[in-house]
Amino acid sequence: MQLKGSRKEGKKFINPIPTDEAGFDKMPAILWEYINNKAESIPKKTLGPFNTDAAIYQTPPASGLRITWMGHSSLLIEIDGKRILTDPVWSSRASFVQWAGPKRFFKAPLPLDQLPKLDAIIISHDHYDHFDEATIRVLATKNIPFYTSLGVGSYLKKWGVAHHLITEMDWGDTAQVGTDCTFTTAPTRHFSGRGITNRNETLWSAFVIKGHTHNIFFGADSGWFNGFADIGEAYGPFDLTMLEIGAYGKNWPDIHMGPLSAVNAHLALKGKQMMPIHWGTFNLALHAWHEPIDILLELAAKENLSLFVPEPGKPTEVTGESYTSGWWGKYKS
């Protein structure tokens, strides 16, 4: 089975199914909710600090699969001899300025200059909480190949990444990474844009990452849609699905999943183990900062799901056995 490529209307990419992208018409309702919000959306206790021991990367993971969660959707993935960094955001704020906008709850656990040698960097889409100019400008000096969605390459070139290091991909495209690893882009139900006037002029994607032994799914941002079953049929089963569980809200159900839809997506993808991402790092919604993981644990217990929930910054092997670090517990009010 081959997934269909993206479609456009004029200059704008469109979602795989009709989608309410929480545009300007929703702004009054969303602002009113923010004004009246009582949830602890920002932790009262400072999280961390979390620190990564970079010396660990000198020894390959015995299982062949090890992940370091740097927060939100930034992951250092070691899979079957390859090292891949996803959606790196090292700046203090996910914003177009560093004096305003959503601020990290904890600093990135590993300084950029201490990252091990990387084989690839994945950029799923152009939103500020996934695509950080300051971080990219540093990484651009390191001669690392970038794999990203259609249109995002123009930013990469502007920020210093050499043209020959950029591979733009449409949904269903496959790129060879070295001799025994492939990336395949898959549809998500989301949107793009870094300003008011350029909404949806670049594409948004998930990534299937397949090594010689492991097959994993980096879901990036998406609302629920039946396309997850198509992806699972075409490219599953997956040893690990990395799916967003945070930043959901009643006014934008089509573009972010939340824990319940993430569990349904994991099952549709034929996932063996699920890692929650896109939570516990930025205040991007109205729910309590720890609510997504609390709900996920309840759902996982009911569904008998195998979870993989490492502490931020701690390189942790994926062995297939359920692992929940519980790191957030001591920070809850």
C-alpha atoms as a PDB file:
ATOM      1  CA  MET A   1       0.000   0.000   0.000  1.00  0.00           C
ATOM      2  CA  GLN A   2       1.341   3.447  -0.969  1.00  0.00           C
ATOM      3  CA  LEU A   3       0.104   6.579   0.779  1.00  0.00           C
ATOM      4  CA  LYS A   4      -1.161   9.402  -1.405  1.00  0.00           C
ATOM      5  CA  GLY A   5       0.829  12.601  -1.710  1.00  0.00           C
ATOM      6  CA  SER A   6      -0.365  15.961  -0.457  1.00  0.00           C
ATOM      7  CA  ARG A   7      -2.844  18.219  -2.241  1.00  0.00           C
ATOM      8  CA  LYS A   8      -2.955  21.992  -2.648  1.00  0.00           C
ATOM      9  CA  GLU A   9      -5.530  24.658  -3.337  1.00  0.00           C
ATOM     10  CA  GLY A  10      -3.578  27.445  -4.952  1.00  0.00           C
ATOM     11  CA  LYS A  11      -0.476  28.029  -2.806  1.00  0.00           C
ATOM     12  CA  LYS A  12      -1.907  26.308   0.258  1.00  0.00           C
ATOM     13  CA  PHE A  13      -1.613  22.671   1.292  1.00  0.00           C
ATOM     14  CA  ILE A  14      -4.809  21.091   2.536  1.00  0.00           C
ATOM     15  CA  ASN A  15      -5.469  18.427   5.142  1.00  0.00           C
ATOM     16  CA  PRO A  16      -6.267  14.807   4.270  1.00  0.00           C
ATOM     17  CA  ILE A  17      -9.840  15.347   5.525  1.00  0.00           C
ATOM     18  CA  PRO A  18     -11.832  18.541   6.237  1.00  0.00           C
ATOM     19  CA  THR A  19     -10.307  20.166   9.316  1.00  0.00           C
ATOM     20  CA  ASP A  20     -11.147  23.073  11.611  1.00  0.00           C
ATOM     21  CA  GLU A  21      -7.735  24.676  12.126  1.00  0.00           C
ATOM     22  CA  ALA A  22      -8.882  27.013  14.954  1.00  0.00           C
ATOM     23  CA  GLY A  23      -8.451  30.148  12.884  1.00  0.00           C
ATOM     24  CA  PHE A  24      -9.373  33.741  13.616  1.00  0.00           C
ATOM     25  CA  ASP A  25     -13.055  32.903  14.109  1.00  0.00           C
ATOM     26  CA  LYS A  26     -12.113  30.866  17.200  1.00  0.00           C
ATOM     27  CA  MET A  27      -9.874  33.536  18.731  1.00  0.00           C
ATOM     28  CA  PRO A  28     -12.532  35.282  20.895  1.00  0.00           C
ATOM     29  CA  ALA A  29     -13.629  31.999  22.475  1.00  0.00           C
ATOM     30  CA  ILE A  30     -10.032  30.876  23.016  1.00  0.00           C
ATOM     31  CA  LEU A  31      -9.026  34.202  24.570  1.00  0.00           C
ATOM     32  CA  TRP A  32     -12.016  34.092  26.895  1.00  0.00           C
ATOM     33  CA  GLU A  33     -10.998  30.607  28.010  1.00  0.00           C
ATOM     34  CA  TYR A  34      -7.446  31.764  28.694  1.00  0.00           C
ATOM     35  CA  ILE A  35      -8.689  34.720  30.752  1.00  0.00           C
ATOM     36  CA  ASN A  36     -10.857  32.448  32.904  1.00  0.00           C
ATOM     37  CA  ASN A  37      -8.517  29.467  33.077  1.00  0.00           C
ATOM     38  CA  LYS A  38      -7.842  28.138  36.615  1.00  0.00           C
ATOM     39  CA  ALA A  39      -5.761  25.084  35.720  1.00  0.00           C
ATOM     40  CA  GLU A  40      -2.067  24.891  36.623  1.00  0.00           C
ATOM     41  CA  SER A  41      -0.946  25.205  33.004  1.00  0.00           C
ATOM     42  CA  ILE A  42       2.486  26.402  34.174  1.00  0.00           C
ATOM     43  CA  PRO A  43       4.137  24.361  36.967  1.00  0.00           C
ATOM     44  CA  LYS A  44       4.215  26.108  40.339  1.00  0.00           C
ATOM     45  CA  LYS A  45       7.443  24.248  41.100  1.00  0.00           C
ATOM     46  CA  THR A  46      10.400  24.699  38.764  1.00  0.00           C
ATOM     47  CA  LEU A  47      11.032  21.517  36.792  1.00  0.00           C
ATOM     48  CA  GLY A  48      14.528  20.085  36.789  1.00  0.00           C
ATOM     49  CA  PRO A  49      17.249  20.825  36.167  1.00  0.00           C
ATOM     50  CA  PHE A  50      17.663  17.759  33.990  1.00  0.00           C
ATOM     51  CA  ASN A  51      21.132  16.931  32.696  1.00  0.00           C
ATOM     52  CA  THR A  52      22.281  14.472  30.053  1.00  0.00           C
ATOM     53  CA  ASP A  53      25.526  12.566  30.515  1.00  0.00           C
ATOM     54  CA  ALA A  54      26.932  12.828  26.984  1.00  0.00           C
ATOM     55  CA  ALA A  55      29.498  10.121  27.730  1.00  0.00           C
ATOM     56  CA  ILE A  56      26.699   7.559  27.427  1.00  0.00           C
ATOM     57  CA  TYR A  57      26.643   8.089  23.660  1.00  0.00           C
ATOM     58  CA  GLN A  58      30.130   6.591  23.383  1.00  0.00           C
ATOM     59  CA  THR A  59      28.532   3.192  24.017  1.00  0.00           C
ATOM     60  CA  PRO A  60      25.862   2.007  21.558  1.00  0.00           C
ATOM     61  CA  PRO A  61      22.573   0.804  23.071  1.00  0.00           C
ATOM     62  CA  ALA A  62      22.526  -2.939  23.623  1.00  0.00           C
ATOM     63  CA  SER A  63      18.941  -3.132  22.367  1.00  0.00           C
ATOM     64  CA  GLY A  64      19.736  -1.101  19.250  1.00  0.00           C
ATOM     65  CA  LEU A  65      17.153   1.537  20.189  1.00  0.00           C
ATOM     66  CA  ARG A  66      17.700   4.321  22.723  1.00  0.00           C
ATOM     67  CA  ILE A  67      15.917   7.644  23.056  1.00  0.00           C
ATOM     68  CA  THR A  68      16.747  10.838  24.888  1.00  0.00           C
ATOM     69  CA  TRP A  69      13.744  13.112  25.347  1.00  0.00           C
ATOM     70  CA  MET A  70      14.967  16.711  25.320  1.00  0.00           C
ATOM     71  CA  GLY A  71      11.427  17.981  25.940  1.00  0.00           C
ATOM     72  CA  HIS A  72       8.320  18.524  23.823  1.00  0.00           C
ATOM     73  CA  SER A  73       8.963  16.915  20.391  1.00  0.00           C
ATOM     74  CA  SER A  74      12.756  17.169  20.497  1.00  0.00           C
ATOM     75  CA  LEU A  75      14.160  13.637  20.587  1.00  0.00           C
ATOM     76  CA  LEU A  76      17.631  12.242  20.123  1.00  0.00           C
ATOM     77  CA  ILE A  77      16.927   8.831  18.626  1.00  0.00           C
ATOM     78  CA  GLU A  78      19.591   6.139  18.367  1.00  0.00           C
ATOM     79  CA  ILE A  79      18.259   3.420  16.100  1.00  0.00           C
ATOM     80  CA  ASP A  80      20.270   0.534  14.661  1.00  0.00           C
ATOM     81  CA  GLY A  81      23.516   2.497  14.495  1.00  0.00           C
ATOM     82  CA  LYS A  82      22.014   5.827  13.361  1.00  0.00           C
ATOM     83  CA  ARG A  83      21.554   9.000  15.424  1.00  0.00           C
ATOM     84  CA  ILE A  84      18.606  11.214  14.534  1.00  0.00           C
ATOM     85  CA  LEU A  85      17.435  14.477  16.081  1.00  0.00           C
ATOM     86  CA  THR A  86      13.783  15.457  15.700  1.00  0.00           C
ATOM     87  CA  ASP A  87      12.227  18.938  15.799  1.00  0.00           C
ATOM     88  CA  PRO A  88      15.061  20.521  17.835  1.00  0.00           C
ATOM     89  CA  VAL A  89      14.026  23.513  19.958  1.00  0.00           C
ATOM     90  CA  TRP A  90      16.747  24.638  22.366  1.00  0.00           C
ATOM     91  CA  SER A  91      15.646  28.257  22.809  1.00  0.00           C
ATOM     92  CA  SER A  92      13.942  29.408  26.013  1.00  0.00           C
ATOM     93  CA  ARG A  93      10.718  30.314  24.205  1.00  0.00           C
ATOM     94  CA  ALA A  94       8.757  28.778  21.361  1.00  0.00           C
ATOM     95  CA  SER A  95       8.142  32.138  19.772  1.00  0.00           C
ATOM     96  CA  PHE A  96       9.244  34.584  17.104  1.00  0.00           C
ATOM     97  CA  VAL A  97      10.850  36.671  19.888  1.00  0.00           C
ATOM     98  CA  GLN A  98      12.655  35.616  23.058  1.00  0.00           C
ATOM     99  CA  TRP A  99      11.044  38.210  25.344  1.00  0.00           C
ATOM    100  CA  ALA A 100       7.501  36.887  24.962  1.00  0.00           C
ATOM    101  CA  GLY A 101       5.692  33.673  24.131  1.00  0.00           C
ATOM    102  CA  PRO A 102       5.548  30.164  25.646  1.00  0.00           C
ATOM    103  CA  LYS A 103       8.602  29.588  27.837  1.00  0.00           C
ATOM    104  CA  ARG A 104      10.253  26.238  28.503  1.00  0.00           C
ATOM    105  CA  PHE A 105       9.506  24.710  31.893  1.00  0.00           C
ATOM    106  CA  PHE A 106      13.082  23.409  31.991  1.00  0.00           C
ATOM    107  CA  LYS A 107      16.260  24.079  30.022  1.00  0.00           C
ATOM    108  CA  ALA A 108      17.313  21.654  27.330  1.00  0.00           C
ATOM    109  CA  PRO A 109      19.166  18.891  29.201  1.00  0.00           C
ATOM    110  CA  LEU A 110      22.154  18.761  26.839  1.00  0.00           C
ATOM    111  CA  PRO A 111      23.918  21.826  25.348  1.00  0.00           C
ATOM    112  CA  LEU A 112      23.937  21.818  21.560  1.00  0.00           C
ATOM    113  CA  ASP A 113      27.738  21.719  21.466  1.00  0.00           C
ATOM    114  CA  GLN A 114      27.688  18.443  23.420  1.00  0.00           C
ATOM    115  CA  LEU A 115      25.427  16.565  21.014  1.00  0.00           C
ATOM    116  CA  PRO A 116      27.028  13.429  19.599  1.00  0.00           C
ATOM    117  CA  LYS A 117      27.652  13.175  15.862  1.00  0.00           C
ATOM    118  CA  LEU A 118      24.290  13.047  14.094  1.00  0.00           C
ATOM    119  CA  ASP A 119      23.313  11.199  10.925  1.00  0.00           C
ATOM    120  CA  ALA A 120      20.160  13.233  10.288  1.00  0.00           C
ATOM    121  CA  ILE A 121      17.826  15.923  11.579  1.00  0.00           C
ATOM    122  CA  ILE A 122      14.074  15.696  11.009  1.00  0.00           C
ATOM    123  CA  ILE A 123      11.850  18.802  10.862  1.00  0.00           C
ATOM    124  CA  SER A 124       8.181  17.808  10.794  1.00  0.00           C
ATOM    125  CA  HIS A 125       6.704  21.272  10.152  1.00  0.00           C
ATOM    126  CA  ASP A 126       7.415  24.960  10.592  1.00  0.00           C
ATOM    127  CA  HIS A 127       5.666  25.874  13.864  1.00  0.00           C
ATOM    128  CA  TYR A 128       7.802  27.612  16.461  1.00  0.00           C
ATOM    129  CA  ASP A 129       7.578  24.814  19.028  1.00  0.00           C
ATOM    130  CA  HIS A 130       9.070  22.408  16.455  1.00  0.00           C
ATOM    131  CA  PHE A 131      11.307  24.616  14.344  1.00  0.00           C
ATOM    132  CA  ASP A 132      13.571  27.070  16.143  1.00  0.00           C
ATOM    133  CA  GLU A 133      15.713  29.469  14.123  1.00  0.00           C
ATOM    134  CA  ALA A 134      18.445  29.934  16.737  1.00  0.00           C
ATOM    135  CA  THR A 135      18.849  26.185  17.154  1.00  0.00           C
ATOM    136  CA  ILE A 136      18.931  25.586  13.401  1.00  0.00           C
ATOM    137  CA  ARG A 137      21.582  28.275  12.893  1.00  0.00           C
ATOM    138  CA  VAL A 138      23.867  26.434  15.302  1.00  0.00           C
ATOM    139  CA  LEU A 139      23.190  23.019  13.780  1.00  0.00           C
ATOM    140  CA  ALA A 140      23.655  24.427  10.258  1.00  0.00           C
ATOM    141  CA  THR A 141      27.413  24.647  10.880  1.00  0.00           C
ATOM    142  CA  LYS A 142      27.749  20.913  11.573  1.00  0.00           C
ATOM    143  CA  ASN A 143      27.277  19.424   8.079  1.00  0.00           C
ATOM    144  CA  ILE A 144      24.235  17.338   9.064  1.00  0.00           C
ATOM    145  CA  PRO A 145      21.576  16.268   6.515  1.00  0.00           C
ATOM    146  CA  PHE A 146      18.073  17.663   7.129  1.00  0.00           C
ATOM    147  CA  TYR A 147      14.873  15.872   6.129  1.00  0.00           C
ATOM    148  CA  THR A 148      11.717  17.932   6.166  1.00  0.00           C
ATOM    149  CA  SER A 149       8.286  18.582   4.692  1.00  0.00           C
ATOM    150  CA  LEU A 150       7.713  20.387   1.383  1.00  0.00           C
ATOM    151  CA  GLY A 151       8.473  24.099   1.520  1.00  0.00           C
ATOM    152  CA  VAL A 152      10.328  24.106   4.835  1.00  0.00           C
ATOM    153  CA  GLY A 153      13.682  23.964   3.070  1.00  0.00           C
ATOM    154  CA  SER A 154      13.480  27.658   2.197  1.00  0.00           C
ATOM    155  CA  TYR A 155      13.811  28.508   5.900  1.00  0.00           C
ATOM    156  CA  LEU A 156      16.677  26.079   6.321  1.00  0.00           C
ATOM    157  CA  LYS A 157      18.601  27.669   3.441  1.00  0.00           C
ATOM    158  CA  LYS A 158      17.956  31.154   4.807  1.00  0.00           C
ATOM    159  CA  TRP A 159      19.320  30.077   8.199  1.00  0.00           C
ATOM    160  CA  GLY A 160      22.553  28.677   6.831  1.00  0.00           C
ATOM    161  CA  VAL A 161      21.935  25.032   5.919  1.00  0.00           C
ATOM    162  CA  ALA A 162      23.683  24.095   2.675  1.00  0.00           C
ATOM    163  CA  HIS A 163      21.326  23.267  -0.195  1.00  0.00           C
ATOM    164  CA  HIS A 164      22.789  19.775  -0.724  1.00  0.00           C
ATOM    165  CA  LEU A 165      22.021  18.853   2.901  1.00  0.00           C
ATOM    166  CA  ILE A 166      18.265  19.498   2.549  1.00  0.00           C
ATOM    167  CA  THR A 167      15.781  16.843   1.444  1.00  0.00           C
ATOM    168  CA  GLU A 168      12.177  18.045   1.164  1.00  0.00           C
ATOM    169  CA  MET A 169       9.572  15.294   1.226  1.00  0.00           C
ATOM    170  CA  ASP A 170       5.932  14.903   0.261  1.00  0.00           C
ATOM    171  CA  TRP A 171       3.595  12.472   2.022  1.00  0.00           C
ATOM    172  CA  GLY A 172       4.524   8.947   0.986  1.00  0.00           C
ATOM    173  CA  ASP A 173       8.076   9.819  -0.087  1.00  0.00           C
ATOM    174  CA  THR A 174      10.955   7.649   1.129  1.00  0.00           C
ATOM    175  CA  ALA A 175      14.545   8.797   1.622  1.00  0.00           C
ATOM    176  CA  GLN A 176      17.551   6.566   2.160  1.00  0.00           C
ATOM    177  CA  VAL A 177      19.677   7.486   5.188  1.00  0.00           C
ATOM    178  CA  GLY A 178      22.962   5.645   4.931  1.00  0.00           C
ATOM    179  CA  THR A 179      22.829   2.054   3.784  1.00  0.00           C
ATOM    180  CA  ASP A 180      20.261   0.537   6.119  1.00  0.00           C
ATOM    181  CA  CYS A 181      17.855   3.222   7.316  1.00  0.00           C
ATOM    182  CA  THR A 182      14.910   4.915   5.614  1.00  0.00           C
ATOM    183  CA  PHE A 183      12.599   7.829   6.389  1.00  0.00           C
ATOM    184  CA  THR A 184       9.097   7.824   4.942  1.00  0.00           C
ATOM    185  CA  THR A 185       6.807  10.811   5.381  1.00  0.00           C
ATOM    186  CA  ALA A 186       3.173  10.249   6.308  1.00  0.00           C
ATOM    187  CA  PRO A 187       0.130  12.551   6.430  1.00  0.00           C
ATOM    188  CA  THR A 188      -0.951  14.305   9.595  1.00  0.00           C
ATOM    189  CA  ARG A 189      -4.023  16.415  10.300  1.00  0.00           C
ATOM    190  CA  HIS A 190      -2.565  19.762  11.254  1.00  0.00           C
ATOM    191  CA  PHE A 191      -1.520  23.059   9.630  1.00  0.00           C
ATOM    192  CA  SER A 192       1.553  25.259   9.190  1.00  0.00           C
ATOM    193  CA  GLY A 193       2.728  28.852   9.162  1.00  0.00           C
ATOM    194  CA  ARG A 194       5.066  31.152  11.051  1.00  0.00           C
ATOM    195  CA  GLY A 195       3.073  34.324  10.469  1.00  0.00           C
ATOM    196  CA  ILE A 196      -0.388  35.677   9.773  1.00  0.00           C
ATOM    197  CA  THR A 197      -0.094  35.693   5.992  1.00  0.00           C
ATOM    198  CA  ASN A 198       1.605  32.382   5.129  1.00  0.00           C
ATOM    199  CA  ARG A 199      -0.658  29.794   6.717  1.00  0.00           C
ATOM    200  CA  ASN A 200      -0.396  26.321   5.107  1.00  0.00           C
ATOM    201  CA  GLU A 201       2.149  27.322   2.466  1.00  0.00           C
ATOM    202  CA  THR A 202       4.491  24.605   3.753  1.00  0.00           C
ATOM    203  CA  LEU A 203       3.594  20.990   4.456  1.00  0.00           C
ATOM    204  CA  TRP A 204       3.284  19.154   7.806  1.00  0.00           C
ATOM    205  CA  SER A 205       4.248  15.487   8.170  1.00  0.00           C
ATOM    206  CA  ALA A 206       4.891  12.511  10.404  1.00  0.00           C
ATOM    207  CA  PHE A 207       7.913  10.264   9.819  1.00  0.00           C
ATOM    208  CA  VAL A 208       8.302   6.493   9.645  1.00  0.00           C
ATOM    209  CA  ILE A 209      11.882   5.683  10.692  1.00  0.00           C
ATOM    210  CA  LYS A 210      12.974   2.191   9.712  1.00  0.00           C
ATOM    211  CA  GLY A 211      16.359   0.700  10.582  1.00  0.00           C
ATOM    212  CA  HIS A 212      17.681  -2.763   9.868  1.00  0.00           C
ATOM    213  CA  THR A 213      15.984  -4.108  13.013  1.00  0.00           C
ATOM    214  CA  HIS A 214      13.573  -1.499  14.415  1.00  0.00           C
ATOM    215  CA  ASN A 215      10.605   0.316  12.906  1.00  0.00           C
ATOM    216  CA  ILE A 216       9.331   3.421  14.731  1.00  0.00           C
ATOM    217  CA  PHE A 217       6.841   6.241  14.133  1.00  0.00           C
ATOM    218  CA  PHE A 218       7.462   9.919  14.937  1.00  0.00           C
ATOM    219  CA  GLY A 219       3.984  11.419  14.886  1.00  0.00           C
ATOM    220  CA  ALA A 220       4.818  15.128  15.290  1.00  0.00           C
ATOM    221  CA  ASP A 221       1.529  17.115  15.453  1.00  0.00           C
ATOM    222  CA  SER A 222      -1.833  15.767  14.358  1.00  0.00           C
ATOM    223  CA  GLY A 223      -5.468  15.574  15.208  1.00  0.00           C
ATOM    224  CA  TRP A 224      -7.148  12.198  15.033  1.00  0.00           C
ATOM    225  CA  PHE A 225      -8.098  10.876  11.594  1.00  0.00           C
ATOM    226  CA  ASN A 226      -8.638   7.457  10.083  1.00  0.00           C
ATOM    227  CA  GLY A 227      -5.396   7.846   8.146  1.00  0.00           C
ATOM    228  CA  PHE A 228      -3.543   6.364  11.109  1.00  0.00           C
ATOM    229  CA  ALA A 229      -5.006   2.982  10.186  1.00  0.00           C
ATOM    230  CA  ASP A 230      -3.766   3.432   6.604  1.00  0.00           C
ATOM    231  CA  ILE A 231      -0.284   4.272   7.890  1.00  0.00           C
ATOM    232  CA  GLY A 232      -0.322   1.244  10.165  1.00  0.00           C
ATOM    233  CA  GLU A 233      -1.387  -0.971   7.289  1.00  0.00           C
ATOM    234  CA  ALA A 234       1.254   0.439   4.939  1.00  0.00           C
ATOM    235  CA  TYR A 235       4.237   0.689   7.279  1.00  0.00           C
ATOM    236  CA  GLY A 236       3.430  -1.005  10.597  1.00  0.00           C
ATOM    237  CA  PRO A 237       3.638  -2.684  12.949  1.00  0.00           C
ATOM    238  CA  PHE A 238       5.819  -0.259  14.914  1.00  0.00           C
ATOM    239  CA  ASP A 239       8.141  -1.131  17.771  1.00  0.00           C
ATOM    240  CA  LEU A 240       7.513   2.356  19.156  1.00  0.00           C
ATOM    241  CA  THR A 241       5.069   5.134  18.331  1.00  0.00           C
ATOM    242  CA  MET A 242       5.962   8.651  19.504  1.00  0.00           C
ATOM    243  CA  LEU A 243       2.685  10.543  19.690  1.00  0.00           C
ATOM    244  CA  GLU A 244       1.608  13.924  21.009  1.00  0.00           C
ATOM    245  CA  ILE A 245      -0.591  13.950  24.093  1.00  0.00           C
ATOM    246  CA  GLY A 246      -0.463  17.628  25.119  1.00  0.00           C
ATOM    247  CA  ALA A 247      -1.786  20.987  23.918  1.00  0.00           C
ATOM    248  CA  TYR A 248      -5.334  19.802  23.288  1.00  0.00           C
ATOM    249  CA  GLY A 249      -8.441  21.924  23.787  1.00  0.00           C
ATOM    250  CA  LYS A 250     -12.169  21.934  23.072  1.00  0.00           C
ATOM    251  CA  ASN A 251     -11.734  24.715  20.514  1.00  0.00           C
ATOM    252  CA  TRP A 252      -9.134  22.865  18.449  1.00  0.00           C
ATOM    253  CA  PRO A 253      -9.966  19.125  18.525  1.00  0.00           C
ATOM    254  CA  ASP A 254      -9.112  18.593  14.848  1.00  0.00           C
ATOM    255  CA  ILE A 255      -5.430  19.601  15.008  1.00  0.00           C
ATOM    256  CA  HIS A 256      -4.164  18.105  18.303  1.00  0.00           C
ATOM    257  CA  MET A 257      -5.076  14.729  19.736  1.00  0.00           C
ATOM    258  CA  GLY A 258      -4.778  14.595  23.487  1.00  0.00           C
ATOM    259  CA  PRO A 259      -4.291  11.312  25.385  1.00  0.00           C
ATOM    260  CA  LEU A 260      -7.421   9.424  24.279  1.00  0.00           C
ATOM    261  CA  SER A 261      -6.989  10.065  20.573  1.00  0.00           C
ATOM    262  CA  ALA A 262      -3.256   9.346  20.888  1.00  0.00           C
ATOM    263  CA  VAL A 263      -4.054   5.928  22.346  1.00  0.00           C
ATOM    264  CA  ASN A 264      -6.485   5.296  19.479  1.00  0.00           C
ATOM    265  CA  ALA A 265      -3.830   6.400  16.994  1.00  0.00           C
ATOM    266  CA  HIS A 266      -1.272   4.071  18.593  1.00  0.00           C
ATOM    267  CA  LEU A 267      -3.664   1.145  18.251  1.00  0.00           C
ATOM    268  CA  ALA A 268      -4.543   2.054  14.655  1.00  0.00           C
ATOM    269  CA  LEU A 269      -0.834   2.279  13.806  1.00  0.00           C
ATOM    270  CA  LYS A 270      -0.278  -1.254  15.141  1.00  0.00           C
ATOM    271  CA  GLY A 271       2.116   0.079  17.738  1.00  0.00           C
ATOM    272  CA  LYS A 272       3.739  -2.268  20.239  1.00  0.00           C
ATOM    273  CA  GLN A 273       4.838   0.463  22.652  1.00  0.00           C
ATOM    274  CA  MET A 274       3.882   4.139  22.946  1.00  0.00           C
ATOM    275  CA  MET A 275       5.979   7.145  23.951  1.00  0.00           C
ATOM    276  CA  PRO A 276       4.084  10.342  24.806  1.00  0.00           C
ATOM    277  CA  ILE A 277       5.631  13.545  23.438  1.00  0.00           C
ATOM    278  CA  HIS A 278       4.530  17.186  23.090  1.00  0.00           C
ATOM    279  CA  TRP A 279       3.770  17.636  26.789  1.00  0.00           C
ATOM    280  CA  GLY A 280       5.388  18.901  29.981  1.00  0.00           C
ATOM    281  CA  THR A 281       7.609  21.483  28.294  1.00  0.00           C
ATOM    282  CA  PHE A 282       5.620  24.516  27.079  1.00  0.00           C
ATOM    283  CA  ASN A 283       2.318  26.100  28.080  1.00  0.00           C
ATOM    284  CA  LEU A 284       0.400  25.775  24.820  1.00  0.00           C
ATOM    285  CA  ALA A 285      -3.104  24.977  26.079  1.00  0.00           C
ATOM    286  CA  LEU A 286      -5.494  25.392  28.988  1.00  0.00           C
ATOM    287  CA  HIS A 287      -5.118  22.044  30.719  1.00  0.00           C
ATOM    288  CA  ALA A 288      -2.853  21.476  33.732  1.00  0.00           C
ATOM    289  CA  TRP A 289       0.716  20.791  32.616  1.00  0.00           C
ATOM    290  CA  HIS A 290       0.639  17.234  34.019  1.00  0.00           C
ATOM    291  CA  GLU A 291      -2.929  16.379  32.980  1.00  0.00           C
ATOM    292  CA  PRO A 292      -1.993  14.669  29.678  1.00  0.00           C
ATOM    293  CA  ILE A 293       0.297  12.128  31.318  1.00  0.00           C
ATOM    294  CA  ASP A 294      -2.113  11.536  34.212  1.00  0.00           C
ATOM    295  CA  ILE A 295      -4.904  10.692  31.778  1.00  0.00           C
ATOM    296  CA  LEU A 296      -2.609   8.593  29.581  1.00  0.00           C
ATOM    297  CA  LEU A 297      -1.595   6.413  32.528  1.00  0.00           C
ATOM    298  CA  GLU A 298      -5.249   5.747  33.337  1.00  0.00           C
ATOM    299  CA  LEU A 299      -6.030   4.862  29.722  1.00  0.00           C
ATOM    300  CA  ALA A 300      -2.952   2.655  29.398  1.00  0.00           C
ATOM    301  CA  ALA A 301      -3.990   0.698  32.479  1.00  0.00           C
ATOM    302  CA  LYS A 302      -7.471   0.124  31.042  1.00  0.00           C
ATOM    303  CA  GLU A 303      -6.170  -0.873  27.610  1.00  0.00           C
ATOM    304  CA  ASN A 304      -3.157  -2.785  28.937  1.00  0.00           C
ATOM    305  CA  LEU A 305      -0.836  -0.652  26.789  1.00  0.00           C
ATOM    306  CA  SER A 306       2.936  -0.772  27.015  1.00  0.00           C
ATOM    307  CA  LEU A 307       4.277   2.746  27.620  1.00  0.00           C
ATOM    308  CA  PHE A 308       7.745   4.255  27.335  1.00  0.00           C
ATOM    309  CA  VAL A 309       7.996   7.411  29.446  1.00  0.00           C
ATOM    310  CA  PRO A 310      11.615   8.347  30.220  1.00  0.00           C
ATOM    311  CA  GLU A 311      12.831  11.260  32.323  1.00  0.00           C
ATOM    312  CA  PRO A 312      13.824  14.368  30.342  1.00  0.00           C
ATOM    313  CA  GLY A 313      17.455  14.204  29.267  1.00  0.00           C
ATOM    314  CA  LYS A 314      18.041  10.605  30.341  1.00  0.00           C
ATOM    315  CA  PRO A 315      19.160   8.320  27.506  1.00  0.00           C
ATOM    316  CA  THR A 316      16.876   5.309  27.910  1.00  0.00           C
ATOM    317  CA  GLU A 317      16.820   2.051  25.998  1.00  0.00           C
ATOM    318  CA  VAL A 318      13.624   0.793  24.430  1.00  0.00           C
ATOM    319  CA  THR A 319      13.477  -2.899  25.252  1.00  0.00           C
ATOM    320  CA  GLY A 320       9.799  -3.620  24.664  1.00  0.00           C
ATOM    321  CA  GLU A 321       9.059  -3.774  28.379  1.00  0.00           C
ATOM    322  CA  SER A 322       6.747  -1.059  29.682  1.00  0.00           C
ATOM    323  CA  TYR A 323       8.689   1.717  31.405  1.00  0.00           C
ATOM    324  CA  THR A 324       7.255   4.751  33.187  1.00  0.00           C
ATOM    325  CA  SER A 325       9.792   6.885  35.061  1.00  0.00           C
ATOM    326  CA  GLY A 326       7.204   8.951  36.955  1.00  0.00           C
ATOM    327  CA  TRP A 327       9.583  11.927  36.980  1.00  0.00           C
ATOM    328  CA  TRP A 328       6.765  14.499  37.027  1.00  0.00           C
ATOM    329  CA  GLY A 329       5.232  13.260  40.270  1.00  0.00           C
ATOM    330  CA  LYS A 330       7.432  15.253  42.627  1.00  0.00           C
ATOM    331  CA  TYR A 331       6.644  18.497  40.795  1.00  0.00           C
ATOM    332  CA  LYS A 332       2.851  18.260  40.980  1.00  0.00           C
ATOM    333  CA  SER A 333       1.122  20.629  43.377  1.00  0.00           C
END
